[in-house]
């Protein structure tokens, strides 16, 4: 009977089984933070899109730390977060088997990018979705809309809004908005319903949901790697060089009896495109779409958050954004669900206020040297391509003057 020479822990965690492709492209919130009726009504989640990564220099403001008042470098991820639009409300009742939706109410007008999500082929369709429903707001508001809202106020235990993103404002190929249900926490049920109805057809910015220095959770789908073997998928040790029939294998996949392969044995299969939740990510900055979005109190250079040449495989960030410490699952342009923290941390690092000294905006294609275009021009002087542009503009100006 075979045996191993040394004991060792198993390769790969069984806590993430089954390792299969996620059904969804967008992260799904399976659990929302605990409700506190004493607080005012507020949304608990948001949707953003991964633009890319950069690094920042900041001063540590944690007293009694060895790094106190010293500068450190942190890697950060930039998420572009254009305002979401609230288009509906759903009420849930509690049953022995969990929550069950009681009823839903939609807003009077739905944007085209939202309606496209309900069609497989928008071009060939007649675009009739919600055409009859909108008439209820004008003809039968008291009998239908008000009646359903009253039912939610009377019977519902949980209230959530239906919101969609604005993909028109992003450098994406899709025209279909991503739709998400967001729970409202705080206040009574009646206050929650009033809060939701007041948000109908309105833009909800990210700074109304989150704030700087806050810890949040992220839910996303990881990058897909396709069908991979046991070494890549589980990290098992390669066999010796002269092994018969291959060495990137598991030598023994089980005993003679029971005469089947146990689920704990590493096997080849799908790697990546998994649904994953990461908790307690710190927000370094909530940025606005302006000329100084990449500036700090110490670095007064007027520059945007977008690096020179844009974020690789993404482009230019033109909307509000979140700067969050660390990495995120998934590829660029992928939607990432942001949620209020469920396990609130009270450690010093979690409560620390962030003092940014520098945000790196050098080119991410190769090794960048310059933070801004002006800095690059001053270093290189007048270049051939810029010289030609200047000559063209001068010629056009003289031609216009001659015509006059």
Foldseek 3Di string as FASTA:
>chain_A
DDDDPDDDDFFFDPVQPPPDADPDQEFADPDAADFDQAFAKAWFWAKWFWFAKFKFKFQFCFPPDPRHRHIDIFIWTKTFGFFKAWFKKWFWAADPVGIDTDDMDTHLDDDPLALVVVDPDPVPDPSCPCVVVNVCVPPPCVPPVVVVLVVRLPGGPWMWIKIWGCCVQFPDPDSHTDIHIITMHYHHSNSNSVVSVVRHRHTDGPCRNDPALAWWKKKGFADWDFKDFQCVARVDDFADPPDPPGTSHDPDQDDPPVPDGDPSGGGIGTDGNGIDMDTTWHWQDWAAQDQQRFAAPQRHDRHHLAAVVGRPPTGDRRGIITIITDDDGDDGRRMMMIGHGRPDDDDSSSNTHIHTNGIARADPPPDGDDRDPVVVCVVVPDDPVNVVVVVVVVVVVVVVVVVD
